[in-house]
């Protein structure tokens, strides 16, 4: 770990419990936001690829009712 990390960690440990908890929440939220943005970007790319494949005639659409009926059939 870098010296800066160790310094920040030591300072954080000296905070009152309520502030440490808030800092922990803030750090976790920052990780989730980055992960969420990456996941959303990946889905946007996937959606674009699927739409393009459909427009080229390479994919067929199946309505939701048909999909659910097939899932019910498989689950029996």
Foldseek 3Di string as FASTA:
>chain_A
DDPVVVVVVVVLVPDPPVSNVVVVVVVVVVVVVVVVVVVVVVVVVVVVVVVVCVVVVNDDDDDPVVVVVVVVVVVD
